[in-house]
């Protein structure tokens, strides 16, 4: 009984810490929608489904002439990337937002001043695409988690003929 009480208290404590971190990120401009960049005329790269944002941070560090918009629906994952952007002093060029890929692409198409250079859909382990997918690593039911045809069309329309849309996975027989 005492162990169960301890675990319950620990879970409540961790939840309160997470909520405080999300509130802090919101107070300092993290997760703002729509995102605000220092120079919105710079080329933009969108990292859709960015998770913890490591790829977005590395890209922003390697390409200082571009803005990077990293979006994910999981606010708790964005905390890491937002903290990294602040520590590296890249918040003017690297923005994290709790949004779907579709929301981000609609915003880019309608509101972003600069050119869209790339949209990245990087999935470490995608779920099954259809009933024929029999990979043991994948769930065996179709999922709405992955990019769909409508989102890919939206990505193509949000940019120009020079926009790169990259869909990648580390599951070789699905990618």
N, C-alpha and C. Protein backbone atom coordinates (compact mmCIF):
# COMPACT_ATOMS: atom_id res chain seq x y z
N UNK A 1 0.83 -1.19 0.00
CA UNK A 1 0.00 0.00 0.00
C UNK A 1 0.87 1.25 0.00
N UNK A 2 1.96 1.23 0.78
CA UNK A 2 2.84 2.38 0.85
C UNK A 2 3.54 2.62 -0.49
N UNK A 3 3.89 1.56 -1.18
CA UNK A 3 4.54 1.69 -2.49
C UNK A 3 3.59 2.31 -3.51
N UNK A 4 2.33 1.91 -3.48
CA UNK A 4 1.34 2.46 -4.40
C UNK A 4 1.15 3.95 -4.14
N UNK A 5 1.12 4.35 -2.87
CA UNK A 5 0.97 5.76 -2.51
C UNK A 5 2.19 6.56 -3.00
N UNK A 6 3.38 5.98 -2.84
CA UNK A 6 4.61 6.64 -3.30
C UNK A 6 4.58 6.83 -4.81
N UNK A 7 4.19 5.82 -5.55
CA UNK A 7 4.13 5.90 -7.01
C UNK A 7 3.10 6.94 -7.44
N UNK A 8 1.96 6.96 -6.79
CA UNK A 8 0.93 7.96 -7.11
C UNK A 8 1.47 9.37 -6.88
N UNK A 9 2.13 9.60 -5.76
CA UNK A 9 2.71 10.92 -5.48
C UNK A 9 3.77 11.29 -6.50
N UNK A 10 4.58 10.33 -6.89
CA UNK A 10 5.63 10.57 -7.87
C UNK A 10 5.02 10.95 -9.22
N UNK A 11 3.97 10.26 -9.63
CA UNK A 11 3.30 10.57 -10.89
C UNK A 11 2.70 11.98 -10.86
N UNK A 12 2.06 12.34 -9.76
CA UNK A 12 1.48 13.68 -9.63
C UNK A 12 2.59 14.73 -9.69
N UNK A 13 3.69 14.49 -8.99
CA UNK A 13 4.82 15.41 -8.99
C UNK A 13 5.37 15.60 -10.41
N UNK A 14 5.57 14.49 -11.14
CA UNK A 14 6.08 14.56 -12.51
C UNK A 14 5.11 15.29 -13.43
N UNK A 15 3.82 15.06 -13.26
CA UNK A 15 2.82 15.75 -14.07
C UNK A 15 2.86 17.25 -13.80
N UNK A 16 2.96 17.63 -12.54
CA UNK A 16 3.03 19.06 -12.19
C UNK A 16 4.30 19.70 -12.77
N UNK A 17 5.41 18.98 -12.74
CA UNK A 17 6.64 19.49 -13.34
C UNK A 17 6.47 19.69 -14.84
N UNK A 18 5.86 18.73 -15.51
CA UNK A 18 5.64 18.83 -16.95
C UNK A 18 4.74 20.02 -17.28
N UNK A 19 3.68 20.19 -16.54
CA UNK A 19 2.79 21.32 -16.78
C UNK A 19 3.51 22.64 -16.55
N UNK A 20 4.37 22.72 -15.55
CA UNK A 20 5.14 23.93 -15.29
C UNK A 20 6.11 24.21 -16.43
N UNK A 21 6.72 23.17 -16.98
CA UNK A 21 7.64 23.36 -18.10
C UNK A 21 6.91 23.84 -19.34
N UNK A 22 5.74 23.30 -19.60
CA UNK A 22 4.95 23.74 -20.75
C UNK A 22 4.54 25.19 -20.57
N UNK A 23 4.14 25.56 -19.36
CA UNK A 23 3.77 26.94 -19.08
C UNK A 23 4.96 27.87 -19.27
N UNK A 24 6.15 27.46 -18.79
CA UNK A 24 7.35 28.26 -18.96
C UNK A 24 7.68 28.43 -20.43
N UNK A 25 7.60 27.35 -21.20
CA UNK A 25 7.87 27.44 -22.64
C UNK A 25 6.91 28.40 -23.31
N UNK A 26 5.64 28.38 -22.91
CA UNK A 26 4.66 29.29 -23.49
C UNK A 26 4.96 30.74 -23.11
N UNK A 27 5.37 30.96 -21.87
CA UNK A 27 5.68 32.32 -21.41
C UNK A 27 6.85 32.93 -22.17
N UNK A 28 7.83 32.11 -22.52
CA UNK A 28 9.01 32.67 -23.19
C UNK A 28 8.89 32.59 -24.71
N UNK A 29 7.69 32.36 -25.20
CA UNK A 29 7.45 32.42 -26.64
C UNK A 29 7.45 31.08 -27.33
N UNK A 30 7.79 30.01 -26.63
CA UNK A 30 7.78 28.70 -27.25
C UNK A 30 6.36 28.26 -27.55
N UNK A 31 6.16 27.54 -28.59
CA UNK A 31 4.89 26.95 -29.00
C UNK A 31 3.88 28.00 -29.45
N UNK A 32 4.30 29.24 -29.68
CA UNK A 32 3.38 30.26 -30.17
C UNK A 32 2.83 29.86 -31.53
N UNK A 33 1.56 30.11 -31.72
CA UNK A 33 0.95 29.89 -33.03
C UNK A 33 0.16 31.11 -33.41
N UNK A 34 0.42 31.72 -34.54
CA UNK A 34 1.46 31.33 -35.50
C UNK A 34 2.85 31.71 -34.99
N UNK A 35 3.86 31.01 -35.50
CA UNK A 35 5.23 31.28 -35.06
C UNK A 35 5.72 32.64 -35.58
N UNK A 36 6.61 33.25 -34.83
CA UNK A 36 7.18 34.54 -35.22
C UNK A 36 8.69 34.38 -35.38
N UNK A 37 9.19 34.69 -36.56
CA UNK A 37 10.62 34.61 -36.85
C UNK A 37 11.20 36.02 -36.89
N UNK A 38 12.50 36.14 -36.54
CA UNK A 38 13.17 37.45 -36.61
C UNK A 38 13.11 38.02 -38.02
N UNK A 39 13.41 37.18 -38.99
CA UNK A 39 13.41 37.60 -40.39
C UNK A 39 12.54 36.64 -41.21
N UNK A 40 11.26 36.95 -41.38
CA UNK A 40 10.36 36.04 -42.09
C UNK A 40 10.57 35.99 -43.60
N UNK A 41 11.55 36.73 -44.10
CA UNK A 41 11.83 36.65 -45.54
C UNK A 41 12.84 35.55 -45.85
N UNK A 42 13.46 34.97 -44.82
CA UNK A 42 14.42 33.88 -45.04
C UNK A 42 13.72 32.64 -45.56
N UNK A 43 14.44 31.80 -46.29
CA UNK A 43 13.87 30.50 -46.68
C UNK A 43 13.47 29.70 -45.44
N UNK A 44 12.42 28.91 -45.58
CA UNK A 44 11.87 28.16 -44.46
C UNK A 44 11.95 26.66 -44.71
N UNK A 45 12.30 25.93 -43.66
CA UNK A 45 12.23 24.47 -43.66
C UNK A 45 11.24 24.08 -42.58
N UNK A 46 10.29 23.21 -42.91
CA UNK A 46 9.31 22.72 -41.94
C UNK A 46 9.65 21.28 -41.60
N UNK A 47 9.83 21.02 -40.31
CA UNK A 47 10.04 19.66 -39.81
C UNK A 47 8.73 19.21 -39.18
N UNK A 48 7.95 18.45 -39.94
CA UNK A 48 6.62 18.01 -39.50
C UNK A 48 6.73 16.72 -38.70
N UNK A 49 6.17 16.72 -37.52
CA UNK A 49 6.30 15.56 -36.64
C UNK A 49 7.70 15.50 -36.06
N UNK A 50 8.18 16.64 -35.56
CA UNK A 50 9.58 16.79 -35.16
C UNK A 50 9.97 16.05 -33.90
N UNK A 51 8.99 15.58 -33.11
CA UNK A 51 9.33 14.90 -31.87
C UNK A 51 10.08 15.83 -30.93
N UNK A 52 11.25 15.40 -30.48
CA UNK A 52 12.05 16.20 -29.56
C UNK A 52 12.80 17.34 -30.24
N UNK A 53 12.80 17.38 -31.56
CA UNK A 53 13.37 18.51 -32.29
C UNK A 53 14.86 18.47 -32.53
N UNK A 54 15.48 17.34 -32.33
CA UNK A 54 16.94 17.25 -32.52
C UNK A 54 17.33 17.52 -33.97
N UNK A 55 16.59 16.97 -34.92
CA UNK A 55 16.89 17.20 -36.34
C UNK A 55 16.71 18.68 -36.68
N UNK A 56 15.64 19.28 -36.20
CA UNK A 56 15.38 20.70 -36.47
C UNK A 56 16.50 21.57 -35.91
N UNK A 57 16.95 21.27 -34.70
CA UNK A 57 18.04 22.05 -34.09
C UNK A 57 19.34 21.88 -34.87
N UNK A 58 19.64 20.66 -35.28
CA UNK A 58 20.86 20.42 -36.05
C UNK A 58 20.80 21.13 -37.40
N UNK A 59 19.64 21.11 -38.02
CA UNK A 59 19.46 21.79 -39.30
C UNK A 59 19.63 23.30 -39.15
N UNK A 60 19.01 23.87 -38.11
CA UNK A 60 19.12 25.32 -37.88
C UNK A 60 20.57 25.71 -37.59
N UNK A 61 21.30 24.86 -36.89
CA UNK A 61 22.69 25.15 -36.58
C UNK A 61 23.57 25.04 -37.82
N UNK A 62 23.27 24.06 -38.67
CA UNK A 62 24.09 23.85 -39.87
C UNK A 62 23.77 24.84 -40.99
N UNK A 63 22.57 25.37 -41.00
CA UNK A 63 22.11 26.29 -42.06
C UNK A 63 21.63 27.60 -41.44
N UNK A 64 22.55 28.49 -41.07
CA UNK A 64 22.15 29.73 -40.39
C UNK A 64 21.37 30.71 -41.26
N UNK A 65 21.29 30.47 -42.56
CA UNK A 65 20.56 31.38 -43.46
C UNK A 65 19.08 31.01 -43.61
N UNK A 66 18.61 29.93 -42.94
CA UNK A 66 17.22 29.53 -43.06
C UNK A 66 16.51 29.60 -41.71
N UNK A 67 15.19 29.73 -41.77
CA UNK A 67 14.33 29.57 -40.60
C UNK A 67 13.85 28.13 -40.59
N UNK A 68 13.66 27.59 -39.39
CA UNK A 68 13.17 26.22 -39.25
C UNK A 68 11.94 26.25 -38.36
N UNK A 69 10.85 25.71 -38.86
CA UNK A 69 9.62 25.55 -38.10
C UNK A 69 9.46 24.07 -37.79
N UNK A 70 9.53 23.73 -36.52
CA UNK A 70 9.40 22.35 -36.07
C UNK A 70 8.04 22.19 -35.40
N UNK A 71 7.21 21.31 -35.95
CA UNK A 71 5.86 21.13 -35.39
C UNK A 71 5.64 19.69 -34.98
N UNK A 72 4.87 19.54 -33.92
CA UNK A 72 4.47 18.23 -33.45
C UNK A 72 3.21 18.42 -32.63
N UNK A 73 2.40 17.39 -32.53
CA UNK A 73 1.17 17.48 -31.74
C UNK A 73 1.44 17.21 -30.26
N UNK A 74 2.61 16.71 -29.91
CA UNK A 74 2.94 16.36 -28.53
C UNK A 74 3.76 17.48 -27.89
N UNK A 75 3.07 18.34 -27.14
CA UNK A 75 3.75 19.49 -26.51
C UNK A 75 4.86 19.05 -25.58
N UNK A 76 4.69 17.92 -24.89
CA UNK A 76 5.74 17.48 -23.97
C UNK A 76 7.04 17.15 -24.70
N UNK A 77 6.97 16.71 -25.94
CA UNK A 77 8.18 16.44 -26.71
C UNK A 77 8.87 17.73 -27.13
N UNK A 78 8.09 18.75 -27.41
CA UNK A 78 8.63 20.01 -27.90
C UNK A 78 9.46 20.74 -26.84
N UNK A 79 9.27 20.39 -25.58
CA UNK A 79 10.00 21.06 -24.51
C UNK A 79 11.51 20.93 -24.70
N UNK A 80 11.97 19.77 -25.09
CA UNK A 80 13.40 19.55 -25.27
C UNK A 80 13.94 20.46 -26.37
N UNK A 81 13.30 20.45 -27.51
CA UNK A 81 13.75 21.27 -28.63
C UNK A 81 13.69 22.75 -28.33
N UNK A 82 12.63 23.18 -27.65
CA UNK A 82 12.50 24.59 -27.28
C UNK A 82 13.63 25.01 -26.35
N UNK A 83 13.94 24.16 -25.37
CA UNK A 83 15.05 24.45 -24.47
C UNK A 83 16.37 24.51 -25.20
N UNK A 84 16.56 23.60 -26.15
CA UNK A 84 17.78 23.57 -26.96
C UNK A 84 17.91 24.84 -27.80
N UNK A 85 16.82 25.27 -28.40
CA UNK A 85 16.84 26.51 -29.20
C UNK A 85 17.24 27.70 -28.33
N UNK A 86 16.73 27.75 -27.12
CA UNK A 86 17.08 28.84 -26.21
C UNK A 86 18.55 28.78 -25.80
N UNK A 87 19.04 27.59 -25.46
CA UNK A 87 20.44 27.45 -25.05
C UNK A 87 21.41 27.80 -26.17
N UNK A 88 21.02 27.49 -27.40
CA UNK A 88 21.89 27.75 -28.55
C UNK A 88 21.69 29.14 -29.14
N UNK A 89 20.74 29.89 -28.59
CA UNK A 89 20.48 31.25 -29.07
C UNK A 89 19.89 31.30 -30.46
N UNK A 90 19.05 30.32 -30.79
CA UNK A 90 18.49 30.25 -32.15
C UNK A 90 16.98 30.48 -32.19
N UNK A 91 16.40 31.06 -31.14
CA UNK A 91 14.94 31.19 -31.11
C UNK A 91 14.39 32.11 -32.19
N UNK A 92 15.21 32.99 -32.73
CA UNK A 92 14.74 33.86 -33.80
C UNK A 92 14.62 33.14 -35.13
N UNK A 93 15.32 31.99 -35.25
CA UNK A 93 15.31 31.23 -36.51
C UNK A 93 14.72 29.84 -36.37
N UNK A 94 14.65 29.35 -35.15
CA UNK A 94 14.15 27.99 -34.88
C UNK A 94 12.97 28.10 -33.94
N UNK A 95 11.79 27.80 -34.47
CA UNK A 95 10.56 27.91 -33.69
C UNK A 95 9.89 26.55 -33.58
N UNK A 96 9.38 26.27 -32.40
CA UNK A 96 8.65 25.04 -32.15
C UNK A 96 7.19 25.39 -31.92
N UNK A 97 6.29 24.62 -32.50
CA UNK A 97 4.86 24.88 -32.35
C UNK A 97 4.11 23.57 -32.20
N UNK A 98 3.14 23.59 -31.32
CA UNK A 98 2.27 22.43 -31.14
C UNK A 98 1.17 22.54 -32.19
N UNK A 99 1.39 21.88 -33.31
CA UNK A 99 0.47 21.96 -34.45
C UNK A 99 0.63 20.71 -35.30
N UNK A 100 -0.35 20.46 -36.12
CA UNK A 100 -0.27 19.35 -37.06
C UNK A 100 0.50 19.80 -38.30
N UNK A 101 0.90 18.84 -39.10
CA UNK A 101 1.57 19.17 -40.36
C UNK A 101 0.64 19.99 -41.25
N UNK A 102 -0.63 19.61 -41.31
CA UNK A 102 -1.59 20.34 -42.14
C UNK A 102 -1.74 21.79 -41.68
N UNK A 103 -1.85 22.01 -40.36
CA UNK A 103 -1.96 23.37 -39.85
C UNK A 103 -0.73 24.19 -40.22
N UNK A 104 0.45 23.61 -40.07
CA UNK A 104 1.69 24.32 -40.39
C UNK A 104 1.77 24.64 -41.88
N UNK A 105 1.40 23.70 -42.72
CA UNK A 105 1.50 23.91 -44.16
C UNK A 105 0.48 24.93 -44.65
N UNK A 106 -0.72 24.92 -44.07
CA UNK A 106 -1.69 25.96 -44.42
C UNK A 106 -1.16 27.33 -44.04
N UNK A 107 -0.56 27.44 -42.85
CA UNK A 107 0.00 28.71 -42.40
C UNK A 107 1.11 29.18 -43.34
N UNK A 108 1.99 28.26 -43.72
CA UNK A 108 3.09 28.61 -44.63
C UNK A 108 2.52 29.13 -45.95
N UNK A 109 1.56 28.41 -46.47
CA UNK A 109 0.98 28.78 -47.77
C UNK A 109 0.31 30.15 -47.73
N UNK A 110 -0.40 30.43 -46.65
CA UNK A 110 -1.18 31.66 -46.57
C UNK A 110 -0.42 32.85 -45.97
N UNK A 111 0.54 32.60 -45.10
CA UNK A 111 1.09 33.70 -44.30
C UNK A 111 2.59 33.91 -44.36
N UNK A 112 3.36 32.88 -44.64
CA UNK A 112 4.82 33.04 -44.55
C UNK A 112 5.33 33.87 -45.72
N UNK A 113 6.16 34.86 -45.41
CA UNK A 113 6.66 35.79 -46.44
C UNK A 113 7.73 35.20 -47.35
N UNK A 114 8.62 34.41 -46.77
CA UNK A 114 9.75 33.89 -47.53
C UNK A 114 9.40 32.61 -48.28
N UNK A 115 10.36 32.09 -49.02
CA UNK A 115 10.13 30.84 -49.77
C UNK A 115 10.20 29.61 -48.87
N UNK A 116 9.38 28.64 -49.18
CA UNK A 116 9.45 27.35 -48.51
C UNK A 116 10.46 26.48 -49.25
N UNK A 117 11.54 26.13 -48.58
CA UNK A 117 12.60 25.34 -49.23
C UNK A 117 12.42 23.84 -49.08
N UNK A 118 11.91 23.42 -47.90
CA UNK A 118 11.79 21.97 -47.69
C UNK A 118 10.74 21.68 -46.63
N UNK A 119 10.10 20.52 -46.80
CA UNK A 119 9.20 19.97 -45.79
C UNK A 119 9.71 18.57 -45.50
N UNK A 120 9.99 18.31 -44.23
CA UNK A 120 10.55 17.03 -43.83
C UNK A 120 9.52 16.23 -43.04
N UNK A 121 9.28 15.01 -43.46
CA UNK A 121 8.46 14.06 -42.73
C UNK A 121 9.38 12.90 -42.39
N UNK A 122 9.93 12.90 -41.20
CA UNK A 122 10.90 11.89 -40.80
C UNK A 122 10.27 10.99 -39.75
N UNK A 123 10.00 9.76 -40.11
CA UNK A 123 9.33 8.83 -39.21
C UNK A 123 10.26 7.69 -38.86
N UNK A 124 10.60 7.55 -37.58
CA UNK A 124 11.50 6.46 -37.22
C UNK A 124 10.88 5.08 -37.40
N UNK A 125 9.63 4.91 -37.06
CA UNK A 125 8.96 3.62 -37.23
C UNK A 125 7.51 3.86 -37.61
N UNK A 126 7.23 3.87 -38.89
CA UNK A 126 5.84 4.15 -39.30
C UNK A 126 4.93 2.96 -39.05
N UNK A 127 3.67 3.22 -38.77
CA UNK A 127 2.72 2.13 -38.65
C UNK A 127 2.38 1.55 -40.02
N UNK A 128 1.69 0.45 -40.03
CA UNK A 128 1.32 -0.22 -41.28
C UNK A 128 0.52 0.72 -42.17
N UNK A 129 0.80 0.66 -43.45
CA UNK A 129 0.11 1.51 -44.40
C UNK A 129 -1.18 0.89 -44.90
N UNK A 130 -1.21 -0.43 -44.99
CA UNK A 130 -2.41 -1.12 -45.44
C UNK A 130 -2.34 -2.57 -44.98
N UNK A 131 -3.35 -3.34 -45.35
CA UNK A 131 -3.43 -4.73 -44.88
C UNK A 131 -2.32 -5.61 -45.46
N UNK A 132 -1.72 -5.21 -46.57
CA UNK A 132 -0.67 -6.03 -47.18
C UNK A 132 0.66 -5.90 -46.45
N UNK A 133 0.83 -4.86 -45.61
CA UNK A 133 2.07 -4.67 -44.87
C UNK A 133 2.16 -5.71 -43.77
N UNK A 134 3.11 -6.59 -43.89
CA UNK A 134 3.24 -7.67 -42.91
C UNK A 134 4.59 -7.61 -42.20
N UNK A 135 5.09 -6.43 -41.96
CA UNK A 135 6.35 -6.26 -41.26
C UNK A 135 6.10 -6.46 -39.77
N UNK A 136 6.87 -7.33 -39.13
CA UNK A 136 6.67 -7.62 -37.71
C UNK A 136 6.93 -6.41 -36.83
N UNK A 137 7.67 -5.42 -37.33
CA UNK A 137 7.97 -4.23 -36.55
C UNK A 137 6.80 -3.25 -36.51
N UNK A 138 5.82 -3.47 -37.35
CA UNK A 138 4.75 -2.49 -37.51
C UNK A 138 3.43 -2.97 -36.93
N UNK A 139 2.60 -2.05 -36.45
CA UNK A 139 1.23 -2.44 -36.10
C UNK A 139 0.54 -2.94 -37.37
N UNK A 140 -0.42 -3.81 -37.22
CA UNK A 140 -1.05 -4.40 -38.39
C UNK A 140 -2.36 -3.73 -38.79
N UNK A 141 -2.61 -2.53 -38.30
CA UNK A 141 -3.80 -1.79 -38.72
C UNK A 141 -3.38 -0.46 -39.31
N UNK A 142 -4.11 0.04 -40.32
CA UNK A 142 -3.78 1.34 -40.89
C UNK A 142 -3.86 2.43 -39.81
N UNK A 143 -3.08 3.46 -39.99
CA UNK A 143 -3.03 4.53 -39.00
C UNK A 143 -3.11 5.89 -39.67
N UNK A 144 -3.62 6.86 -38.94
CA UNK A 144 -3.65 8.23 -39.43
C UNK A 144 -2.44 9.02 -38.94
N UNK A 145 -1.50 8.35 -38.28
CA UNK A 145 -0.33 9.04 -37.73
C UNK A 145 0.62 9.51 -38.83
N UNK A 146 0.76 8.74 -39.87
CA UNK A 146 1.70 9.07 -40.93
C UNK A 146 1.14 10.12 -41.87
N UNK A 147 2.03 10.65 -42.66
CA UNK A 147 1.63 11.59 -43.70
C UNK A 147 0.72 10.86 -44.69
N UNK A 148 -0.30 11.55 -45.14
CA UNK A 148 -1.20 10.95 -46.12
C UNK A 148 -1.09 11.71 -47.45
N UNK A 149 -1.79 11.23 -48.44
CA UNK A 149 -1.70 11.84 -49.78
C UNK A 149 -2.14 13.30 -49.77
N UNK A 150 -3.17 13.62 -49.00
CA UNK A 150 -3.65 15.01 -48.95
C UNK A 150 -2.59 15.93 -48.34
N UNK A 151 -1.90 15.46 -47.31
CA UNK A 151 -0.84 16.27 -46.68
C UNK A 151 0.33 16.45 -47.64
N UNK A 152 0.67 15.43 -48.40
CA UNK A 152 1.75 15.57 -49.39
C UNK A 152 1.37 16.56 -50.48
N UNK A 153 0.12 16.54 -50.93
CA UNK A 153 -0.33 17.52 -51.92
C UNK A 153 -0.28 18.93 -51.33
N UNK A 154 -0.67 19.07 -50.09
CA UNK A 154 -0.61 20.37 -49.41
C UNK A 154 0.83 20.85 -49.31
N UNK A 155 1.76 19.96 -48.99
CA UNK A 155 3.17 20.33 -48.92
C UNK A 155 3.67 20.82 -50.28
N UNK A 156 3.26 20.15 -51.34
CA UNK A 156 3.68 20.55 -52.68
C UNK A 156 3.08 21.91 -53.06
N UNK A 157 1.83 22.15 -52.69
CA UNK A 157 1.18 23.43 -53.01
C UNK A 157 1.69 24.57 -52.14
N UNK A 158 2.16 24.27 -50.93
CA UNK A 158 2.63 25.32 -50.02
C UNK A 158 3.93 25.95 -50.53
N UNK A 159 4.68 25.20 -51.30
CA UNK A 159 5.96 25.70 -51.79
C UNK A 159 5.91 26.07 -53.26
N UNK A 160 7.08 26.06 -53.85
CA UNK A 160 7.22 26.36 -55.27
C UNK A 160 7.86 25.16 -55.95
N UNK A 161 8.24 25.33 -57.19
CA UNK A 161 8.92 24.26 -57.91
C UNK A 161 10.28 23.92 -57.32
N UNK A 162 10.80 24.78 -56.45
CA UNK A 162 12.10 24.55 -55.82
C UNK A 162 11.97 23.93 -54.43
N UNK A 163 10.77 23.64 -53.98
CA UNK A 163 10.55 23.08 -52.65
C UNK A 163 10.79 21.58 -52.67
N UNK A 164 11.57 21.11 -51.72
CA UNK A 164 11.85 19.68 -51.56
C UNK A 164 10.92 19.12 -50.50
N UNK A 165 10.24 18.02 -50.80
CA UNK A 165 9.43 17.31 -49.82
C UNK A 165 10.10 15.97 -49.59
N UNK A 166 10.53 15.73 -48.35
CA UNK A 166 11.25 14.51 -48.02
C UNK A 166 10.43 13.68 -47.04
N UNK A 167 10.13 12.45 -47.41
CA UNK A 167 9.47 11.51 -46.53
C UNK A 167 10.45 10.37 -46.32
N UNK A 168 10.85 10.14 -45.07
CA UNK A 168 11.85 9.12 -44.80
C UNK A 168 11.49 8.30 -43.58
N UNK A 169 11.99 7.09 -43.56
CA UNK A 169 11.75 6.18 -42.46
C UNK A 169 12.97 5.29 -42.30
N UNK A 170 13.19 4.79 -41.08
CA UNK A 170 14.28 3.82 -40.93
C UNK A 170 13.79 2.39 -41.07
N UNK A 171 12.55 2.22 -41.50
CA UNK A 171 12.02 0.89 -41.76
C UNK A 171 12.13 0.69 -43.27
N UNK A 172 13.15 -0.01 -43.70
CA UNK A 172 13.52 -0.07 -45.11
C UNK A 172 12.45 -0.63 -46.01
N UNK A 173 11.71 -1.62 -45.58
CA UNK A 173 10.75 -2.23 -46.50
C UNK A 173 9.43 -1.47 -46.55
N UNK A 174 9.31 -0.37 -45.84
CA UNK A 174 8.11 0.46 -45.91
C UNK A 174 8.41 1.77 -46.58
N UNK A 175 9.60 2.29 -46.37
CA UNK A 175 9.97 3.62 -46.88
C UNK A 175 9.98 3.66 -48.38
